[in-house]
Amino acid sequence: MNQAQTIEEVRSFVQDNQVTLVYISRENCSVCHSLLPQVEQLLQQYPNIASLHVDAEKIPSIAAEYEIFTVPVLIVSVDGKEMFRKARFVPMEELNQQLHKLIDALH
């Protein structure tokens, strides 16, 4: 998963791709570090979903722009509009089902 360096990069990424998953974490978050590889593995099943990793410590404005109160946060958007988000503890099977329904609905 590529890592964003600026808030502008995040904005462009979400606007320029049809379906996006933005993963927001912090360096000192153990849950974030354990969840990221699981999300990356799941996304291998969904090649049409573009993904981006954001470190909230390196881009602090992400918290205000996306109303982030805890990490990790997954934000899934279609055509620049947020469809759903998951925060803190993310059940992978539930995320998989939601992504599957979303992709099916788009085709």
Protein backbone atom coordinates (compact mmCIF):
# COMPACT_ATOMS: atom_id res chain seq x y z
CA MET A 1 0.00 0.00 0.00
CA ASN A 2 1.45 3.36 -1.00
CA GLN A 3 1.87 5.99 1.69
CA ALA A 4 0.62 9.56 1.28
CA GLN A 5 2.99 12.41 2.04
CA THR A 6 0.54 15.35 1.93
CA ILE A 7 -3.16 16.05 2.46
CA GLU A 8 -3.32 17.20 -1.17
CA GLU A 9 -2.11 13.77 -2.26
CA VAL A 10 -4.92 12.16 -0.25
CA ARG A 11 -7.53 14.47 -1.78
CA SER A 12 -6.29 13.82 -5.32
CA PHE A 13 -6.14 10.08 -4.73
CA VAL A 14 -9.76 9.92 -3.54
CA GLN A 15 -10.98 12.11 -6.41
CA ASP A 16 -8.94 10.43 -9.17
CA ASN A 17 -9.88 6.80 -8.45
CA GLN A 18 -13.37 5.32 -8.69
CA VAL A 19 -13.16 3.14 -5.56
CA THR A 20 -10.67 3.93 -2.81
CA LEU A 21 -9.73 2.63 0.60
CA VAL A 22 -7.75 5.06 2.74
CA TYR A 23 -6.10 3.48 5.78
CA ILE A 24 -5.26 6.00 8.50
CA SER A 25 -2.95 5.03 11.33
CA ARG A 26 -0.33 6.31 13.77
CA GLU A 27 3.20 5.09 14.34
CA ASN A 28 2.60 4.24 18.03
CA CYS A 29 -0.64 2.28 17.44
CA SER A 30 -0.20 -1.48 17.90
CA VAL A 31 -3.67 -2.25 16.51
CA CYS A 32 -2.78 -0.24 13.38
CA HIS A 33 0.36 -2.30 12.80
CA SER A 34 -1.42 -5.63 13.21
CA LEU A 35 -4.40 -4.67 11.05
CA LEU A 36 -2.51 -3.21 8.07
CA PRO A 37 -1.17 -6.54 6.71
CA GLN A 38 -4.63 -8.10 7.04
CA VAL A 39 -6.17 -5.24 5.04
CA GLU A 40 -3.45 -5.47 2.40
CA GLN A 41 -4.04 -9.21 2.07
CA LEU A 42 -7.81 -8.71 1.76
CA LEU A 43 -7.35 -6.03 -0.90
CA GLN A 44 -5.54 -8.53 -3.12
CA GLN A 45 -9.03 -9.95 -3.81
CA TYR A 46 -10.21 -6.52 -4.99
CA PRO A 47 -7.88 -5.22 -7.71
CA ASN A 48 -10.39 -2.46 -8.58
CA ILE A 49 -9.99 -0.84 -5.16
CA ALA A 50 -7.14 1.67 -5.00
CA SER A 51 -5.59 1.89 -1.54
CA LEU A 52 -3.55 4.50 0.27
CA HIS A 53 -1.94 4.55 3.72
CA VAL A 54 -1.88 7.77 5.74
CA ASP A 55 0.19 8.29 8.90
CA ALA A 56 -1.86 10.76 10.93
CA GLU A 57 1.29 11.96 12.70
CA LYS A 58 2.93 12.96 9.40
CA ILE A 59 -0.27 14.54 8.03
CA PRO A 60 -2.03 15.92 11.13
CA SER A 61 -4.62 17.79 9.04
CA ILE A 62 -6.12 14.42 8.04
CA ALA A 63 -7.84 14.23 11.44
CA ALA A 64 -9.82 17.42 10.91
CA GLU A 65 -10.54 16.87 7.23
CA TYR A 66 -11.88 13.33 7.71
CA GLU A 67 -13.17 13.75 11.29
CA ILE A 68 -10.82 11.12 12.72
CA PHE A 69 -11.05 10.61 16.47
CA THR A 70 -9.28 7.25 16.79
CA VAL A 71 -7.02 5.02 14.73
CA PRO A 72 -6.89 2.87 12.77
CA VAL A 73 -9.60 4.08 10.42
CA LEU A 74 -10.54 2.66 7.03
CA ILE A 75 -12.50 4.98 4.76
CA VAL A 76 -13.99 3.53 1.59
CA SER A 77 -15.13 6.00 -1.07
CA VAL A 78 -16.72 5.74 -4.50
CA ASP A 79 -16.29 8.61 -6.96
CA GLY A 80 -14.95 10.79 -4.15
CA LYS A 81 -17.90 10.18 -1.80
CA GLU A 82 -17.47 8.27 1.44
CA MET A 83 -19.51 5.05 1.41
CA PHE A 84 -18.49 3.66 4.80
CA ARG A 85 -15.77 3.68 7.41
CA LYS A 86 -14.48 1.30 10.04
CA ALA A 87 -12.56 2.42 13.10
CA ARG A 88 -10.40 0.90 15.84
CA PHE A 89 -11.33 -2.80 15.77
CA VAL A 90 -12.20 -3.94 12.26
CA PRO A 91 -13.77 -7.39 11.79
CA MET A 92 -12.12 -8.57 8.57
CA GLU A 93 -15.03 -10.79 7.49
CA GLU A 94 -17.44 -7.88 7.87
CA LEU A 95 -15.11 -5.63 5.86
CA ASN A 96 -14.82 -8.31 3.18
CA GLN A 97 -18.62 -8.60 2.92
CA GLN A 98 -19.06 -4.84 2.63
CA LEU A 99 -16.37 -4.54 -0.05
CA HIS A 100 -17.88 -7.47 -1.96
CA LYS A 101 -21.37 -5.87 -1.91
CA LEU A 102 -19.95 -2.54 -2.98
CA ILE A 103 -18.00 -3.94 -5.92
CA ASP A 104 -20.99 -6.08 -6.99
CA ALA A 105 -23.25 -3.02 -6.93
CA LEU A 106 -20.86 -1.12 -9.20
CA HIS A 107 -20.86 -3.81 -11.89
